[in-house]
């Protein structure tokens, strides 16, 4: 299992939809997370060359958390991003 934590800003309003049949809520979006360890000079150099100084991971949230996130998290809000990657094949080992 991989775990990643980050703090960033939501790049667009969170999109909420409901799964047909089950009615389960699912929300998705993306956040901008500044790359760590960049000095001010290095960041300015990268910006001058047009190289991104942030990463833009996407996220998916399910259930009541999805509904809350869609209601409360709007574009440019700061949020804490906690990601757990789980792979069924890895769990079976």
Foldseek 3Di string as FASTA:
>chain_A
DDKDKFKFFWAFQWDWDADPPVRKIKIKGKTWGFDPDADPVNCVVCVVVVHDRTDIDMDMDIHPVRVVSNVPHGGGDMDMDMDDDDDPVVVVD
